N, C-alpha and C. Protein backbone atom coordinates (compact mmCIF):
# COMPACT_ATOMS: atom_id res chain seq x y z
N UNK A 1 3.86 15.68 10.11
CA UNK A 1 3.49 16.09 8.75
C UNK A 1 2.02 15.85 8.48
N UNK A 2 1.37 14.93 9.23
CA UNK A 2 -0.07 14.70 9.04
C UNK A 2 -0.82 15.94 9.47
N UNK A 3 -1.75 16.39 8.63
CA UNK A 3 -2.36 17.67 8.95
C UNK A 3 -3.85 17.77 8.67
N UNK A 4 -4.50 16.71 8.22
CA UNK A 4 -5.90 16.86 7.86
C UNK A 4 -6.66 15.56 7.97
N UNK A 5 -7.98 15.69 7.99
CA UNK A 5 -8.86 14.54 8.00
C UNK A 5 -9.95 14.76 6.97
N UNK A 6 -10.18 13.81 6.11
CA UNK A 6 -11.24 13.91 5.11
C UNK A 6 -12.05 12.61 5.14
N UNK A 7 -12.64 12.35 6.29
CA UNK A 7 -13.32 11.06 6.46
C UNK A 7 -14.46 10.85 5.48
N UNK A 8 -15.10 11.93 5.06
CA UNK A 8 -16.24 11.78 4.19
C UNK A 8 -15.94 11.03 2.91
N UNK A 9 -14.71 11.13 2.46
CA UNK A 9 -14.34 10.49 1.21
C UNK A 9 -14.37 8.97 1.30
N UNK A 10 -14.26 8.42 2.51
CA UNK A 10 -14.38 6.96 2.58
C UNK A 10 -15.58 6.53 3.40
N UNK A 11 -16.08 7.39 4.32
CA UNK A 11 -17.26 7.01 5.09
C UNK A 11 -18.49 6.89 4.19
N UNK A 12 -18.56 7.73 3.18
CA UNK A 12 -19.71 7.69 2.28
C UNK A 12 -19.46 6.80 1.07
N UNK A 13 -18.36 6.08 1.11
CA UNK A 13 -17.98 5.25 -0.04
C UNK A 13 -18.98 4.11 -0.23
N UNK A 14 -19.30 3.85 -1.48
CA UNK A 14 -20.25 2.79 -1.83
C UNK A 14 -19.64 1.43 -1.51
N UNK A 15 -20.14 0.77 -0.48
CA UNK A 15 -19.54 -0.49 -0.04
C UNK A 15 -19.77 -1.62 -1.04
N UNK A 16 -20.58 -1.39 -2.07
CA UNK A 16 -20.76 -2.41 -3.12
C UNK A 16 -19.94 -2.06 -4.36
N UNK A 17 -19.04 -1.10 -4.21
CA UNK A 17 -18.21 -0.67 -5.32
C UNK A 17 -17.24 -1.79 -5.69
N UNK A 18 -16.54 -1.63 -6.79
CA UNK A 18 -15.82 -2.76 -7.36
C UNK A 18 -14.51 -3.08 -6.66
N UNK A 19 -14.21 -2.49 -5.49
CA UNK A 19 -13.04 -3.02 -4.79
C UNK A 19 -13.30 -4.43 -4.32
N UNK A 20 -14.58 -4.84 -4.33
CA UNK A 20 -14.91 -6.22 -3.99
C UNK A 20 -14.93 -7.11 -5.22
N UNK A 21 -14.77 -6.54 -6.37
CA UNK A 21 -14.80 -7.30 -7.61
C UNK A 21 -13.43 -7.89 -7.86
N UNK A 22 -13.37 -9.21 -8.03
CA UNK A 22 -12.08 -9.85 -8.23
C UNK A 22 -11.35 -9.31 -9.46
N UNK A 23 -12.10 -8.72 -10.41
CA UNK A 23 -11.46 -8.18 -11.60
C UNK A 23 -10.62 -6.95 -11.28
N UNK A 24 -10.78 -6.38 -10.09
CA UNK A 24 -10.00 -5.21 -9.69
C UNK A 24 -8.85 -5.62 -8.77
N UNK A 25 -8.54 -6.90 -8.76
CA UNK A 25 -7.46 -7.42 -7.93
C UNK A 25 -6.24 -7.69 -8.81
N UNK A 26 -5.20 -6.91 -8.59
CA UNK A 26 -3.95 -7.08 -9.31
C UNK A 26 -2.84 -7.23 -8.28
N UNK A 27 -2.25 -8.41 -8.23
CA UNK A 27 -1.27 -8.69 -7.18
C UNK A 27 0.09 -8.07 -7.51
N UNK A 28 0.79 -7.72 -6.44
CA UNK A 28 2.10 -7.07 -6.54
C UNK A 28 3.20 -8.13 -6.63
N UNK A 29 4.13 -7.99 -7.57
CA UNK A 29 5.27 -8.92 -7.57
C UNK A 29 6.03 -8.81 -6.25
N UNK A 30 6.18 -9.93 -5.56
CA UNK A 30 6.82 -9.91 -4.25
C UNK A 30 8.22 -9.31 -4.31
N UNK A 31 8.95 -9.63 -5.38
CA UNK A 31 10.33 -9.14 -5.50
C UNK A 31 10.40 -7.63 -5.56
N UNK A 32 9.33 -6.99 -6.09
CA UNK A 32 9.35 -5.53 -6.18
C UNK A 32 9.12 -4.88 -4.82
N UNK A 33 8.40 -5.57 -3.93
CA UNK A 33 8.23 -5.06 -2.57
C UNK A 33 9.58 -5.07 -1.85
N UNK A 34 10.28 -6.19 -1.96
CA UNK A 34 11.62 -6.29 -1.37
C UNK A 34 12.55 -5.25 -1.99
N UNK A 35 12.41 -5.05 -3.28
CA UNK A 35 13.24 -4.10 -4.02
C UNK A 35 13.10 -2.69 -3.47
N UNK A 36 11.87 -2.20 -3.30
CA UNK A 36 11.68 -0.83 -2.83
C UNK A 36 12.06 -0.69 -1.36
N UNK A 37 11.83 -1.73 -0.56
CA UNK A 37 12.21 -1.65 0.86
C UNK A 37 13.73 -1.58 1.01
N UNK A 38 14.45 -2.24 0.12
CA UNK A 38 15.91 -2.11 0.13
C UNK A 38 16.34 -0.70 -0.25
N UNK A 39 15.59 -0.06 -1.13
CA UNK A 39 15.89 1.32 -1.50
C UNK A 39 15.62 2.28 -0.35
N UNK A 40 14.50 2.10 0.32
CA UNK A 40 14.09 3.03 1.38
C UNK A 40 14.83 2.78 2.69
N UNK A 41 15.17 1.52 2.97
CA UNK A 41 15.87 1.17 4.20
C UNK A 41 15.14 1.73 5.43
N UNK A 42 13.85 1.42 5.53
CA UNK A 42 13.03 1.92 6.63
C UNK A 42 13.37 1.22 7.94
N UNK A 43 13.15 1.93 9.03
CA UNK A 43 13.39 1.37 10.37
C UNK A 43 12.14 0.62 10.81
N UNK A 44 12.16 -0.71 10.69
CA UNK A 44 11.03 -1.54 11.10
C UNK A 44 11.23 -2.12 12.51
N UNK A 45 12.37 -1.89 13.11
CA UNK A 45 12.67 -2.51 14.38
C UNK A 45 11.64 -2.15 15.44
N UNK A 46 10.97 -3.17 15.98
CA UNK A 46 9.93 -3.00 17.01
C UNK A 46 8.72 -2.22 16.52
N UNK A 47 8.51 -2.18 15.22
CA UNK A 47 7.37 -1.46 14.65
C UNK A 47 6.25 -2.43 14.28
N UNK A 48 5.08 -1.87 13.97
CA UNK A 48 3.95 -2.65 13.49
C UNK A 48 3.61 -2.20 12.07
N UNK A 49 3.54 -3.15 11.16
CA UNK A 49 3.25 -2.89 9.75
C UNK A 49 1.85 -3.41 9.44
N UNK A 50 1.08 -2.62 8.72
CA UNK A 50 -0.25 -3.04 8.28
C UNK A 50 -0.28 -3.12 6.76
N UNK A 51 -0.80 -4.24 6.25
CA UNK A 51 -1.09 -4.40 4.82
C UNK A 51 -2.59 -4.61 4.71
N UNK A 52 -3.38 -3.57 4.39
CA UNK A 52 -4.84 -3.63 4.50
C UNK A 52 -5.56 -4.21 3.29
N UNK A 53 -4.84 -4.56 2.24
CA UNK A 53 -5.46 -5.17 1.05
C UNK A 53 -4.52 -6.28 0.58
N UNK A 54 -4.39 -7.30 1.42
CA UNK A 54 -3.30 -8.27 1.28
C UNK A 54 -3.50 -9.26 0.15
N UNK A 55 -4.71 -9.37 -0.40
CA UNK A 55 -4.93 -10.26 -1.53
C UNK A 55 -4.46 -11.68 -1.25
N UNK A 56 -3.64 -12.22 -2.14
CA UNK A 56 -3.15 -13.58 -1.99
C UNK A 56 -1.83 -13.67 -1.25
N UNK A 57 -1.33 -12.56 -0.71
CA UNK A 57 -0.14 -12.59 0.11
C UNK A 57 1.15 -12.24 -0.60
N UNK A 58 1.07 -11.76 -1.83
CA UNK A 58 2.29 -11.47 -2.58
C UNK A 58 3.08 -10.32 -1.96
N UNK A 59 2.38 -9.27 -1.52
CA UNK A 59 3.08 -8.15 -0.89
C UNK A 59 3.61 -8.56 0.48
N UNK A 60 2.82 -9.32 1.22
CA UNK A 60 3.28 -9.81 2.52
C UNK A 60 4.58 -10.60 2.34
N UNK A 61 4.63 -11.45 1.35
CA UNK A 61 5.83 -12.24 1.10
C UNK A 61 7.03 -11.34 0.82
N UNK A 62 6.81 -10.28 0.04
CA UNK A 62 7.89 -9.35 -0.26
C UNK A 62 8.42 -8.65 0.98
N UNK A 63 7.50 -8.27 1.88
CA UNK A 63 7.91 -7.66 3.15
C UNK A 63 8.70 -8.66 3.97
N UNK A 64 8.19 -9.88 4.07
CA UNK A 64 8.86 -10.90 4.86
C UNK A 64 10.23 -11.24 4.28
N UNK A 65 10.34 -11.29 2.97
CA UNK A 65 11.64 -11.56 2.34
C UNK A 65 12.64 -10.47 2.70
N UNK A 66 12.19 -9.22 2.70
CA UNK A 66 13.08 -8.12 3.09
C UNK A 66 13.54 -8.27 4.54
N UNK A 67 12.60 -8.58 5.42
CA UNK A 67 12.93 -8.73 6.83
C UNK A 67 13.90 -9.89 7.04
N UNK A 68 13.70 -10.97 6.30
CA UNK A 68 14.61 -12.12 6.41
C UNK A 68 16.03 -11.75 5.98
N UNK A 69 16.13 -10.80 5.06
CA UNK A 69 17.45 -10.33 4.63
C UNK A 69 18.09 -9.40 5.66
N UNK A 70 17.26 -8.83 6.53
CA UNK A 70 17.74 -7.86 7.52
C UNK A 70 17.20 -8.25 8.90
N UNK A 71 17.67 -9.34 9.46
CA UNK A 71 17.11 -9.84 10.72
C UNK A 71 17.28 -8.90 11.90
N UNK A 72 18.18 -7.91 11.78
CA UNK A 72 18.33 -6.92 12.85
C UNK A 72 17.30 -5.80 12.74
N UNK A 73 16.43 -5.88 11.74
CA UNK A 73 15.42 -4.84 11.50
C UNK A 73 14.03 -5.48 11.53
N UNK A 74 13.75 -6.22 12.59
CA UNK A 74 12.56 -7.06 12.66
C UNK A 74 11.40 -6.32 13.35
N UNK A 75 10.24 -6.26 12.70
CA UNK A 75 9.09 -5.57 13.31
C UNK A 75 8.46 -6.40 14.41
N UNK A 76 7.66 -5.73 15.23
CA UNK A 76 6.87 -6.46 16.23
C UNK A 76 5.81 -7.32 15.57
N UNK A 77 5.18 -6.78 14.51
CA UNK A 77 4.09 -7.51 13.87
C UNK A 77 3.88 -7.02 12.45
N UNK A 78 3.42 -7.93 11.60
CA UNK A 78 2.89 -7.57 10.28
C UNK A 78 1.43 -8.01 10.28
N UNK A 79 0.53 -7.05 10.19
CA UNK A 79 -0.90 -7.34 10.18
C UNK A 79 -1.40 -7.28 8.74
N UNK A 80 -1.99 -8.35 8.26
CA UNK A 80 -2.47 -8.42 6.88
C UNK A 80 -3.97 -8.69 6.88
N UNK A 81 -4.73 -7.85 6.18
CA UNK A 81 -6.19 -8.01 6.13
C UNK A 81 -6.69 -7.76 4.70
N UNK A 82 -7.89 -8.24 4.43
CA UNK A 82 -8.53 -7.99 3.15
C UNK A 82 -10.02 -8.23 3.32
N UNK A 83 -10.82 -7.52 2.56
CA UNK A 83 -12.26 -7.72 2.62
C UNK A 83 -12.66 -9.03 1.96
N UNK A 84 -11.78 -9.58 1.09
CA UNK A 84 -12.07 -10.83 0.39
C UNK A 84 -10.96 -11.83 0.64
N UNK A 85 -11.30 -13.11 0.64
CA UNK A 85 -10.30 -14.18 0.72
C UNK A 85 -9.89 -14.56 -0.70
N UNK A 86 -8.58 -14.56 -0.95
CA UNK A 86 -8.08 -14.94 -2.27
C UNK A 86 -6.96 -15.94 -2.08
N UNK A 87 -7.03 -17.05 -2.75
CA UNK A 87 -6.06 -18.11 -2.59
C UNK A 87 -5.04 -18.07 -3.72
N UNK A 88 -3.80 -17.78 -3.35
CA UNK A 88 -2.73 -17.76 -4.34
C UNK A 88 -1.68 -18.81 -4.03
N UNK A 89 -2.00 -19.71 -3.10
CA UNK A 89 -1.05 -20.74 -2.76
C UNK A 89 0.06 -20.27 -1.84
N UNK A 90 -0.09 -19.07 -1.26
CA UNK A 90 0.89 -18.54 -0.33
C UNK A 90 0.32 -18.64 1.08
N UNK A 91 1.00 -19.33 1.96
CA UNK A 91 0.55 -19.44 3.34
C UNK A 91 1.10 -18.27 4.14
N UNK A 92 0.20 -17.46 4.70
CA UNK A 92 0.64 -16.32 5.50
C UNK A 92 -0.49 -15.96 6.47
N UNK A 93 -0.17 -15.41 7.63
CA UNK A 93 -1.22 -15.05 8.60
C UNK A 93 -1.98 -13.82 8.15
N UNK A 94 -3.29 -13.94 8.05
CA UNK A 94 -4.10 -12.80 7.62
C UNK A 94 -5.54 -12.99 8.07
N UNK A 95 -6.31 -11.91 8.00
CA UNK A 95 -7.72 -11.92 8.35
C UNK A 95 -8.53 -11.35 7.21
N UNK A 96 -9.68 -11.99 6.91
CA UNK A 96 -10.53 -11.50 5.83
C UNK A 96 -11.99 -11.46 6.27
N UNK A 97 -12.78 -10.68 5.54
CA UNK A 97 -14.20 -10.57 5.81
C UNK A 97 -14.65 -9.13 5.82
N UNK A 98 -15.96 -8.92 5.91
CA UNK A 98 -16.52 -7.58 5.88
C UNK A 98 -15.97 -6.68 6.98
N UNK A 99 -15.62 -7.29 8.12
CA UNK A 99 -15.10 -6.48 9.22
C UNK A 99 -13.68 -5.98 8.95
N UNK A 100 -13.09 -6.44 7.84
CA UNK A 100 -11.75 -5.99 7.47
C UNK A 100 -11.80 -5.13 6.20
N UNK A 101 -12.93 -4.45 6.03
CA UNK A 101 -13.07 -3.46 4.97
C UNK A 101 -12.35 -2.19 5.42
N UNK A 102 -11.22 -1.90 4.82
CA UNK A 102 -10.38 -0.77 5.25
C UNK A 102 -11.10 0.56 5.16
N UNK A 103 -12.12 0.64 4.31
CA UNK A 103 -12.84 1.90 4.13
C UNK A 103 -14.04 2.03 5.05
N UNK A 104 -14.20 1.10 5.95
CA UNK A 104 -15.34 1.13 6.87
C UNK A 104 -14.91 1.64 8.24
N UNK A 105 -15.84 2.35 8.92
CA UNK A 105 -15.58 2.77 10.30
C UNK A 105 -15.45 1.57 11.22
N UNK A 106 -15.96 0.42 10.80
CA UNK A 106 -15.92 -0.79 11.63
C UNK A 106 -14.70 -1.66 11.35
N UNK A 107 -13.74 -1.12 10.60
CA UNK A 107 -12.53 -1.89 10.29
C UNK A 107 -11.89 -2.37 11.58
N UNK A 108 -11.63 -3.68 11.64
CA UNK A 108 -11.19 -4.30 12.88
C UNK A 108 -9.66 -4.42 12.96
N UNK A 109 -9.10 -3.80 14.00
CA UNK A 109 -7.71 -3.99 14.36
C UNK A 109 -7.65 -4.43 15.82
N UNK A 110 -6.62 -5.15 16.22
CA UNK A 110 -6.51 -5.49 17.63
C UNK A 110 -6.57 -4.25 18.52
N UNK A 111 -7.19 -4.38 19.67
CA UNK A 111 -7.36 -3.26 20.58
C UNK A 111 -6.00 -2.66 20.94
N UNK A 112 -5.96 -1.33 20.96
CA UNK A 112 -4.76 -0.58 21.34
C UNK A 112 -3.58 -0.81 20.40
N UNK A 113 -3.86 -1.20 19.17
CA UNK A 113 -2.79 -1.38 18.19
C UNK A 113 -2.43 -0.04 17.57
N UNK A 114 -1.16 0.30 17.59
CA UNK A 114 -0.66 1.49 16.92
C UNK A 114 0.05 1.05 15.65
N UNK A 115 -0.38 1.58 14.52
CA UNK A 115 0.19 1.20 13.24
C UNK A 115 1.29 2.18 12.88
N UNK A 116 2.49 1.67 12.74
CA UNK A 116 3.62 2.54 12.39
C UNK A 116 3.71 2.75 10.89
N UNK A 117 3.65 1.66 10.13
CA UNK A 117 3.76 1.75 8.67
C UNK A 117 2.59 1.04 8.01
N UNK A 118 2.11 1.61 6.92
CA UNK A 118 1.14 0.94 6.04
C UNK A 118 1.81 0.77 4.68
N UNK A 119 1.79 -0.46 4.17
CA UNK A 119 2.35 -0.79 2.87
C UNK A 119 1.24 -1.44 2.06
N UNK A 120 0.95 -0.92 0.86
CA UNK A 120 -0.24 -1.42 0.17
C UNK A 120 -0.19 -1.14 -1.32
N UNK A 121 -0.98 -1.94 -2.03
CA UNK A 121 -1.29 -1.74 -3.44
C UNK A 121 -2.81 -1.89 -3.56
N UNK A 122 -3.56 -0.83 -3.26
CA UNK A 122 -5.03 -0.95 -3.26
C UNK A 122 -5.59 -1.01 -4.66
N UNK A 123 -6.83 -1.49 -4.81
CA UNK A 123 -7.48 -1.41 -6.12
C UNK A 123 -7.45 0.03 -6.63
N UNK A 124 -7.11 0.21 -7.90
CA UNK A 124 -6.95 1.57 -8.39
C UNK A 124 -8.27 2.34 -8.31
N UNK A 125 -9.38 1.64 -8.39
CA UNK A 125 -10.68 2.31 -8.31
C UNK A 125 -10.91 2.95 -6.96
N UNK A 126 -10.17 2.51 -5.94
CA UNK A 126 -10.35 3.04 -4.58
C UNK A 126 -9.04 3.59 -4.02
N UNK A 127 -8.10 3.91 -4.88
CA UNK A 127 -6.79 4.32 -4.39
C UNK A 127 -6.87 5.63 -3.59
N UNK A 128 -7.78 6.52 -3.96
CA UNK A 128 -7.87 7.79 -3.24
C UNK A 128 -8.35 7.62 -1.80
N UNK A 129 -9.52 6.98 -1.56
CA UNK A 129 -9.92 6.81 -0.17
C UNK A 129 -8.98 5.92 0.62
N UNK A 130 -8.37 4.92 -0.02
CA UNK A 130 -7.39 4.09 0.68
C UNK A 130 -6.22 4.95 1.17
N UNK A 131 -5.74 5.84 0.30
CA UNK A 131 -4.60 6.68 0.66
C UNK A 131 -4.94 7.62 1.80
N UNK A 132 -6.10 8.24 1.72
CA UNK A 132 -6.52 9.16 2.78
C UNK A 132 -6.62 8.44 4.12
N UNK A 133 -7.22 7.27 4.10
CA UNK A 133 -7.36 6.51 5.35
C UNK A 133 -5.99 6.09 5.89
N UNK A 134 -5.12 5.65 5.00
CA UNK A 134 -3.79 5.22 5.43
C UNK A 134 -3.02 6.36 6.06
N UNK A 135 -3.14 7.55 5.49
CA UNK A 135 -2.44 8.71 6.04
C UNK A 135 -2.97 9.09 7.42
N UNK A 136 -4.21 8.77 7.68
CA UNK A 136 -4.78 9.03 9.01
C UNK A 136 -4.31 8.02 10.04
N UNK A 137 -4.19 6.77 9.62
CA UNK A 137 -3.93 5.69 10.58
C UNK A 137 -2.44 5.54 10.88
N UNK A 138 -1.60 5.59 9.85
CA UNK A 138 -0.17 5.33 10.04
C UNK A 138 0.48 6.41 10.88
N UNK A 139 1.44 6.00 11.71
CA UNK A 139 2.17 6.93 12.56
C UNK A 139 3.50 7.38 11.95
N UNK A 140 4.13 6.51 11.18
CA UNK A 140 5.48 6.83 10.69
C UNK A 140 5.57 6.94 9.17
N UNK A 141 4.85 6.09 8.44
CA UNK A 141 5.00 6.16 7.00
C UNK A 141 3.96 5.36 6.26
N UNK A 142 3.70 5.76 5.02
CA UNK A 142 2.80 5.05 4.11
C UNK A 142 3.55 4.82 2.81
N UNK A 143 3.56 3.55 2.37
CA UNK A 143 4.20 3.17 1.12
C UNK A 143 3.14 2.58 0.21
N UNK A 144 2.99 3.17 -0.97
CA UNK A 144 1.90 2.83 -1.89
C UNK A 144 2.46 2.52 -3.26
N UNK A 145 2.07 1.37 -3.82
CA UNK A 145 2.34 1.09 -5.23
C UNK A 145 1.11 1.48 -6.03
N UNK A 146 1.31 2.27 -7.07
CA UNK A 146 0.18 2.69 -7.88
C UNK A 146 0.63 3.06 -9.28
N UNK A 147 -0.34 3.24 -10.14
CA UNK A 147 -0.02 3.73 -11.48
C UNK A 147 0.59 5.12 -11.37
N UNK A 148 1.46 5.45 -12.29
CA UNK A 148 2.09 6.76 -12.28
C UNK A 148 1.05 7.87 -12.39
N UNK A 149 -0.08 7.59 -13.02
CA UNK A 149 -1.13 8.59 -13.19
C UNK A 149 -1.81 8.94 -11.87
N UNK A 150 -1.44 8.27 -10.77
CA UNK A 150 -1.92 8.69 -9.45
C UNK A 150 -1.59 10.16 -9.20
N UNK A 151 -0.54 10.67 -9.85
CA UNK A 151 -0.12 12.05 -9.64
C UNK A 151 -0.99 13.07 -10.36
N UNK A 152 -1.88 12.61 -11.22
CA UNK A 152 -2.71 13.55 -11.95
C UNK A 152 -4.15 13.48 -11.48
N UNK A 153 -4.93 14.47 -11.86
CA UNK A 153 -6.34 14.50 -11.51
C UNK A 153 -6.65 15.61 -10.52
N UNK A 154 -7.62 16.44 -10.85
CA UNK A 154 -7.97 17.57 -9.98
C UNK A 154 -8.44 17.11 -8.61
N UNK A 155 -9.30 16.07 -8.59
CA UNK A 155 -9.82 15.60 -7.30
C UNK A 155 -8.73 15.09 -6.40
N UNK A 156 -7.82 14.28 -6.94
CA UNK A 156 -6.73 13.75 -6.13
C UNK A 156 -5.81 14.87 -5.65
N UNK A 157 -5.61 15.85 -6.52
CA UNK A 157 -4.78 17.00 -6.12
C UNK A 157 -5.40 17.73 -4.95
N UNK A 158 -6.69 18.01 -5.05
CA UNK A 158 -7.36 18.76 -3.99
C UNK A 158 -7.46 17.96 -2.70
N UNK A 159 -7.73 16.66 -2.82
CA UNK A 159 -7.99 15.85 -1.63
C UNK A 159 -6.74 15.31 -0.95
N UNK A 160 -5.65 15.17 -1.70
CA UNK A 160 -4.45 14.57 -1.14
C UNK A 160 -3.20 15.38 -1.46
N UNK A 161 -2.90 15.54 -2.72
CA UNK A 161 -1.57 15.95 -3.14
C UNK A 161 -1.23 17.41 -2.82
N UNK A 162 -2.22 18.27 -2.80
CA UNK A 162 -1.95 19.69 -2.53
C UNK A 162 -1.41 19.89 -1.12
N UNK A 163 -2.04 19.26 -0.13
CA UNK A 163 -1.65 19.46 1.27
C UNK A 163 -0.74 18.38 1.81
N UNK A 164 -0.80 17.19 1.25
CA UNK A 164 0.00 16.07 1.74
C UNK A 164 0.63 15.31 0.58
N UNK A 165 1.54 15.94 -0.14
CA UNK A 165 2.19 15.22 -1.23
C UNK A 165 3.12 14.14 -0.68
N UNK A 166 3.38 13.10 -1.46
CA UNK A 166 4.35 12.11 -0.99
C UNK A 166 5.72 12.74 -0.81
N UNK A 167 6.47 12.19 0.13
CA UNK A 167 7.83 12.67 0.36
C UNK A 167 8.75 12.25 -0.79
N UNK A 168 8.54 11.02 -1.27
CA UNK A 168 9.39 10.46 -2.32
C UNK A 168 8.54 9.71 -3.32
N UNK A 169 8.92 9.80 -4.58
CA UNK A 169 8.29 9.03 -5.65
C UNK A 169 9.38 8.27 -6.38
N UNK A 170 9.21 6.95 -6.47
CA UNK A 170 10.16 6.08 -7.16
C UNK A 170 9.50 5.59 -8.44
N UNK A 171 9.94 6.13 -9.56
CA UNK A 171 9.35 5.81 -10.86
C UNK A 171 10.13 4.66 -11.51
N UNK A 172 9.41 3.66 -11.98
CA UNK A 172 10.07 2.54 -12.66
C UNK A 172 10.56 2.98 -14.04
N UNK A 173 11.83 2.70 -14.30
CA UNK A 173 12.38 3.02 -15.62
C UNK A 173 12.04 1.91 -16.62
N UNK A 174 11.61 0.76 -16.09
CA UNK A 174 11.13 -0.32 -16.94
C UNK A 174 9.77 -0.76 -16.41
N UNK A 175 9.07 -1.51 -17.16
CA UNK A 175 7.70 -1.87 -16.79
C UNK A 175 7.67 -3.10 -15.90
N UNK A 176 6.93 -3.00 -14.80
CA UNK A 176 6.63 -4.18 -14.01
C UNK A 176 5.19 -4.58 -14.30
N UNK A 177 4.86 -5.79 -13.93
CA UNK A 177 3.50 -6.29 -14.18
C UNK A 177 2.85 -6.67 -12.86
N UNK A 178 1.67 -6.10 -12.60
CA UNK A 178 0.84 -6.57 -11.51
C UNK A 178 -0.17 -7.55 -12.09
N UNK A 179 -0.35 -8.68 -11.42
CA UNK A 179 -1.03 -9.82 -12.04
C UNK A 179 -2.52 -9.83 -11.73
N UNK A 180 -3.32 -9.79 -12.78
CA UNK A 180 -4.77 -9.81 -12.65
C UNK A 180 -5.22 -11.09 -11.95
N UNK A 181 -6.02 -10.90 -10.89
CA UNK A 181 -6.51 -12.02 -10.09
C UNK A 181 -5.39 -12.89 -9.53
N UNK A 182 -4.19 -12.29 -9.38
CA UNK A 182 -3.08 -13.02 -8.80
C UNK A 182 -2.47 -14.08 -9.71
N UNK A 183 -2.79 -14.03 -10.99
CA UNK A 183 -2.31 -15.04 -11.93
C UNK A 183 -0.88 -14.73 -12.36
N UNK A 184 0.10 -15.23 -11.63
CA UNK A 184 1.49 -14.94 -11.93
C UNK A 184 2.00 -15.68 -13.16
N UNK A 185 1.17 -16.55 -13.73
CA UNK A 185 1.55 -17.26 -14.97
C UNK A 185 1.28 -16.43 -16.21
N UNK A 186 0.61 -15.29 -16.03
CA UNK A 186 0.30 -14.42 -17.16
C UNK A 186 1.60 -13.80 -17.69
N UNK A 187 1.96 -14.08 -18.92
CA UNK A 187 3.23 -13.62 -19.48
C UNK A 187 3.08 -12.43 -20.41
N UNK A 188 1.87 -11.90 -20.55
CA UNK A 188 1.67 -10.73 -21.41
C UNK A 188 2.43 -9.53 -20.83
N UNK A 189 3.05 -8.71 -21.69
CA UNK A 189 3.78 -7.54 -21.18
C UNK A 189 2.82 -6.52 -20.57
N UNK A 190 3.33 -5.71 -19.67
CA UNK A 190 2.51 -4.72 -18.99
C UNK A 190 2.41 -3.44 -19.82
N UNK A 191 1.21 -2.87 -19.85
CA UNK A 191 1.02 -1.59 -20.53
C UNK A 191 1.01 -0.43 -19.54
N UNK A 192 1.11 -0.72 -18.24
CA UNK A 192 1.00 0.31 -17.21
C UNK A 192 2.37 0.79 -16.75
N UNK A 193 2.45 2.09 -16.49
CA UNK A 193 3.63 2.66 -15.84
C UNK A 193 3.34 2.76 -14.35
N UNK A 194 4.19 2.15 -13.53
CA UNK A 194 3.99 2.12 -12.08
C UNK A 194 5.06 2.93 -11.36
N UNK A 195 4.71 3.34 -10.15
CA UNK A 195 5.66 4.02 -9.28
C UNK A 195 5.33 3.68 -7.84
N UNK A 196 6.31 3.81 -6.97
CA UNK A 196 6.09 3.72 -5.53
C UNK A 196 6.01 5.13 -4.97
N UNK A 197 5.04 5.36 -4.11
CA UNK A 197 4.84 6.65 -3.47
C UNK A 197 5.03 6.47 -1.96
N UNK A 198 5.91 7.27 -1.38
CA UNK A 198 6.19 7.13 0.05
C UNK A 198 5.97 8.45 0.77
N UNK A 199 5.20 8.37 1.87
CA UNK A 199 4.98 9.50 2.75
C UNK A 199 5.74 9.26 4.05
N UNK A 200 6.72 10.10 4.33
CA UNK A 200 7.44 10.05 5.60
C UNK A 200 6.68 10.94 6.58
N UNK A 201 5.90 10.34 7.45
CA UNK A 201 5.02 11.09 8.34
C UNK A 201 5.76 11.66 9.54
N UNK A 202 7.04 11.34 9.66
CA UNK A 202 7.86 11.90 10.72
C UNK A 202 8.81 12.98 10.20
N UNK A 203 8.66 13.35 8.95
CA UNK A 203 9.52 14.40 8.40
C UNK A 203 9.25 15.71 9.14
N UNK A 204 10.30 16.39 9.50
CA UNK A 204 10.15 17.61 10.31
C UNK A 204 9.61 18.77 9.50
N UNK A 205 9.94 18.85 8.24
CA UNK A 205 9.47 19.94 7.40
C UNK A 205 8.96 19.37 6.08
N UNK A 206 7.93 20.00 5.55
CA UNK A 206 7.38 19.57 4.26
C UNK A 206 8.27 20.09 3.13
N UNK A 207 8.32 19.37 2.04
CA UNK A 207 9.09 19.78 0.87
C UNK A 207 8.46 19.14 -0.35
N UNK A 208 8.72 19.67 -1.53
CA UNK A 208 8.21 19.02 -2.74
C UNK A 208 8.73 17.59 -2.82
N UNK A 209 8.00 16.71 -3.46
CA UNK A 209 8.44 15.31 -3.53
C UNK A 209 9.81 15.18 -4.20
N UNK A 210 10.63 14.31 -3.64
CA UNK A 210 11.87 13.93 -4.30
C UNK A 210 11.54 12.84 -5.31
N UNK A 211 12.01 13.02 -6.53
CA UNK A 211 11.76 12.04 -7.59
C UNK A 211 13.00 11.17 -7.76
N UNK A 212 12.79 9.87 -7.71
CA UNK A 212 13.85 8.89 -7.91
C UNK A 212 13.43 7.97 -9.04
N UNK A 213 14.40 7.23 -9.56
CA UNK A 213 14.11 6.20 -10.55
C UNK A 213 14.55 4.86 -9.98
N UNK A 214 13.77 3.84 -10.26
CA UNK A 214 14.05 2.51 -9.75
C UNK A 214 13.93 1.50 -10.89
N UNK A 215 14.85 0.56 -10.90
CA UNK A 215 14.77 -0.54 -11.88
C UNK A 215 14.10 -1.73 -11.24
N UNK A 216 13.37 -2.48 -12.02
CA UNK A 216 12.69 -3.64 -11.49
C UNK A 216 13.70 -4.67 -10.99
N UNK A 217 13.26 -5.45 -10.04
CA UNK A 217 14.15 -6.44 -9.43
C UNK A 217 14.58 -7.50 -10.45
């Protein structure tokens, strides 16, 4: 299903843009990662998963919790990277630094590593180039948490959605909260509508996105 390359959208990206700004870091509730993986029931057995904007490890924890619930569906590796180090009190294996800038041609992965799945919640300011890059790198699927408004916008339509729409969209019927700067103690209600977007890169034929509804965990 992968059919295009638009490297210019991230090669020319301003490396001083605010994806490095901690104010653009909103951590994913770990339980919601486990929640969507239970819905999708993806085949992780002997696969490699990449989380390229791992933040404080909340998404990594959600992936690991899902795998712990399904020990017969264990991946070969979960690779977690981020351009910045953020401490959320979660111990997990990850790599950080400028060489782990997902939007850079110098993004470092182990030699000869084939990435089967990419699971991510990128900064919304860079969601478009992150998505394009993920669709190029992943071999089997890309799972993205983003605002529901990811589906709108002429630029996003032309650069992504027209030729490579997601296979499935899971819209939250209730509001979840992504935590600013990883502060899970923030109890203010969320004003954002979120959805999970999944691209099945092994689908034999393209079709309009299937729309599903999901309740928060």
